[in-house]
């Protein structure tokens, strides 16, 4: 588990360094304006579908893209937003699906169950983030201990 955490941190640092000419302290960089595209990875999960609905209905004017492992059917067909393929182990396809994402929401399999992103896929996804991505939200249960208290 520690090696995986280090790899994820290294991938996030690499993605940030690609964008070094931007001032990350400038809060305007993080604003999502109308027309911004939000990619939801794990949209096939129950939480992902609810987030796609909420983002599309927010009235903010955001464009929502659901990245799905089975974009032709299943839960993806009922989402009501643009559906794109999520192929984390095919770098060129992943890069195409994320190419215009201003924000990315990643819902992990551990947090959302079926339909969430596998742990192995998260590191690859971080490496594929385009320079234009201003926001990244990872929903995960990594590091959470369960007790019977």
Protein backbone atom coordinates (compact mmCIF):
# COMPACT_ATOMS: atom_id res chain seq x y z
CA UNK A 1 0.00 0.00 0.00
CA UNK A 2 2.80 2.49 0.77
CA UNK A 3 4.42 1.95 -2.62
CA UNK A 4 1.10 2.63 -4.32
CA UNK A 5 0.67 5.87 -2.32
CA UNK A 6 4.14 7.01 -3.33
CA UNK A 7 3.44 6.22 -6.97
CA UNK A 8 0.17 8.18 -6.87
CA UNK A 9 1.93 11.13 -5.23
CA UNK A 10 4.69 11.00 -7.85
CA UNK A 11 2.14 10.91 -10.69
CA UNK A 12 0.29 13.90 -9.22
CA UNK A 13 3.56 15.83 -8.88
CA UNK A 14 4.46 15.03 -12.49
CA UNK A 15 1.08 16.30 -13.68
CA UNK A 16 1.53 19.50 -11.68
CA UNK A 17 5.04 20.11 -13.00
CA UNK A 18 3.78 20.00 -16.61
CA UNK A 19 1.78 23.10 -15.76
CA UNK A 20 4.65 24.97 -14.08
CA UNK A 21 4.12 28.23 -15.98
CA UNK A 22 0.81 28.77 -14.18
CA UNK A 23 0.59 30.34 -10.75
CA UNK A 24 -1.19 27.73 -8.63
CA UNK A 25 -1.62 30.26 -5.83
CA UNK A 26 -3.90 32.33 -8.06
CA UNK A 27 -7.46 31.35 -7.03
CA UNK A 28 -8.82 32.39 -10.43
CA UNK A 29 -7.06 29.39 -11.95
CA UNK A 30 -9.42 27.01 -10.13
CA UNK A 31 -12.69 28.66 -11.17
CA UNK A 32 -14.99 26.61 -13.34
CA UNK A 33 -16.88 28.96 -15.61
CA UNK A 34 -19.93 28.15 -17.75
CA UNK A 35 -18.82 25.89 -20.58
CA UNK A 36 -16.15 24.19 -18.46
CA UNK A 37 -16.03 20.44 -19.01
CA UNK A 38 -16.14 18.13 -15.99
CA UNK A 39 -15.10 14.51 -16.57
CA UNK A 40 -16.54 11.99 -14.11
CA UNK A 41 -14.55 8.76 -13.82
CA UNK A 42 -16.62 6.07 -12.15
CA UNK A 43 -19.88 7.40 -13.55
CA UNK A 44 -21.24 3.85 -13.78
CA UNK A 45 -21.39 3.65 -9.99
CA UNK A 46 -24.46 4.79 -8.07
CA UNK A 47 -22.58 7.80 -6.68
CA UNK A 48 -21.16 8.61 -10.13
CA UNK A 49 -24.59 8.61 -11.75
CA UNK A 50 -25.94 10.88 -9.01
CA UNK A 51 -23.00 13.28 -9.45
CA UNK A 52 -23.49 13.39 -13.22
CA UNK A 53 -27.17 14.25 -12.69
CA UNK A 54 -26.40 16.92 -10.08
CA UNK A 55 -23.64 18.56 -12.14
CA UNK A 56 -25.74 18.60 -15.31
CA UNK A 57 -28.75 20.05 -13.45
CA UNK A 58 -26.75 22.59 -11.40
CA UNK A 59 -27.54 25.53 -13.67
CA UNK A 60 -23.82 26.44 -13.78
CA UNK A 61 -23.58 25.72 -17.52
CA UNK A 62 -20.94 23.03 -17.11
CA UNK A 63 -20.56 20.28 -19.71
CA UNK A 64 -20.41 16.85 -18.11
CA UNK A 65 -18.60 13.89 -19.65
CA UNK A 66 -19.07 10.48 -18.05
CA UNK A 67 -16.06 8.21 -18.58
CA UNK A 68 -17.38 4.66 -18.65
CA UNK A 69 -15.78 1.25 -19.11
CA UNK A 70 -18.83 0.13 -21.09
CA UNK A 71 -19.86 3.31 -22.94
CA UNK A 72 -22.27 1.55 -25.28
CA UNK A 73 -24.73 0.28 -22.73
CA UNK A 74 -25.39 -0.63 -19.15
CA UNK A 75 -25.55 2.18 -16.62
CA UNK A 76 -23.93 4.62 -19.10
CA UNK A 77 -26.99 4.66 -21.35
CA UNK A 78 -29.18 6.12 -18.60
CA UNK A 79 -26.84 8.93 -17.53
CA UNK A 80 -28.23 11.69 -19.75
CA UNK A 81 -24.79 13.27 -20.32
CA UNK A 82 -22.05 12.79 -22.88
CA UNK A 83 -20.48 9.35 -22.48
CA UNK A 84 -16.83 8.69 -23.32
CA UNK A 85 -14.80 5.50 -23.06
CA UNK A 86 -12.69 4.96 -19.96
CA UNK A 87 -9.75 2.81 -21.03
CA UNK A 88 -7.11 3.38 -18.34
CA UNK A 89 -4.75 0.78 -19.79
CA UNK A 90 -4.82 2.29 -23.29
CA UNK A 91 -2.94 5.59 -22.83
CA UNK A 92 -3.95 7.17 -26.17
CA UNK A 93 -7.67 6.43 -25.63
CA UNK A 94 -7.49 7.74 -22.07
CA UNK A 95 -5.75 10.92 -23.23
CA UNK A 96 -8.49 11.49 -25.85
CA UNK A 97 -11.26 11.03 -23.28
CA UNK A 98 -9.63 13.55 -20.91
CA UNK A 99 -8.25 15.98 -23.53
CA UNK A 100 -10.69 18.84 -22.85
CA UNK A 101 -11.38 18.24 -19.15
CA UNK A 102 -11.19 21.38 -17.02
CA UNK A 103 -12.03 19.32 -13.93
CA UNK A 104 -11.89 15.59 -13.21
CA UNK A 105 -13.81 13.72 -10.52
CA UNK A 106 -12.40 10.26 -9.84
CA UNK A 107 -14.60 7.88 -7.90
CA UNK A 108 -12.57 4.91 -6.70
CA UNK A 109 -13.83 1.36 -6.68
CA UNK A 110 -13.11 1.22 -2.94
CA UNK A 111 -15.38 4.19 -2.25
CA UNK A 112 -18.14 3.44 -4.75
CA UNK A 113 -18.02 -0.27 -5.40
CA UNK A 114 -18.88 -1.56 -8.84
CA UNK A 115 -18.44 1.11 -11.49
CA UNK A 116 -15.66 2.97 -9.67
CA UNK A 117 -12.07 3.29 -10.88
CA UNK A 118 -9.76 0.39 -9.97
CA UNK A 119 -6.73 1.29 -7.83
CA UNK A 120 -4.33 0.37 -10.68
CA UNK A 121 -6.16 2.74 -13.01
CA UNK A 122 -5.89 5.84 -10.79
CA UNK A 123 -2.13 6.29 -11.28
CA UNK A 124 -2.47 5.98 -15.04
CA UNK A 125 -5.32 8.46 -14.99
CA UNK A 126 -3.23 11.02 -13.10
CA UNK A 127 -0.46 10.69 -15.70
CA UNK A 128 -2.97 11.30 -18.50
CA UNK A 129 -4.41 14.55 -17.10
CA UNK A 130 -4.12 17.38 -19.63
CA UNK A 131 -2.42 20.64 -18.69
CA UNK A 132 -5.77 22.44 -18.93
CA UNK A 133 -7.24 20.49 -15.96
CA UNK A 134 -7.72 22.96 -13.10
CA UNK A 135 -9.47 20.77 -10.56
CA UNK A 136 -9.06 17.15 -9.48
CA UNK A 137 -11.24 15.47 -6.88
CA UNK A 138 -10.49 11.89 -5.84
CA UNK A 139 -13.11 10.10 -3.77
CA UNK A 140 -11.45 7.16 -2.05
CA UNK A 141 -11.44 5.14 1.12
CA UNK A 142 -7.69 4.45 0.94
CA UNK A 143 -6.20 4.58 4.42
CA UNK A 144 -9.54 4.32 6.21
CA UNK A 145 -9.62 1.71 8.96
CA UNK A 146 -12.83 -0.02 9.92
CA UNK A 147 -13.59 -0.85 13.52
CA UNK A 148 -16.42 -2.71 15.17
CA UNK A 149 -16.90 -0.05 17.82
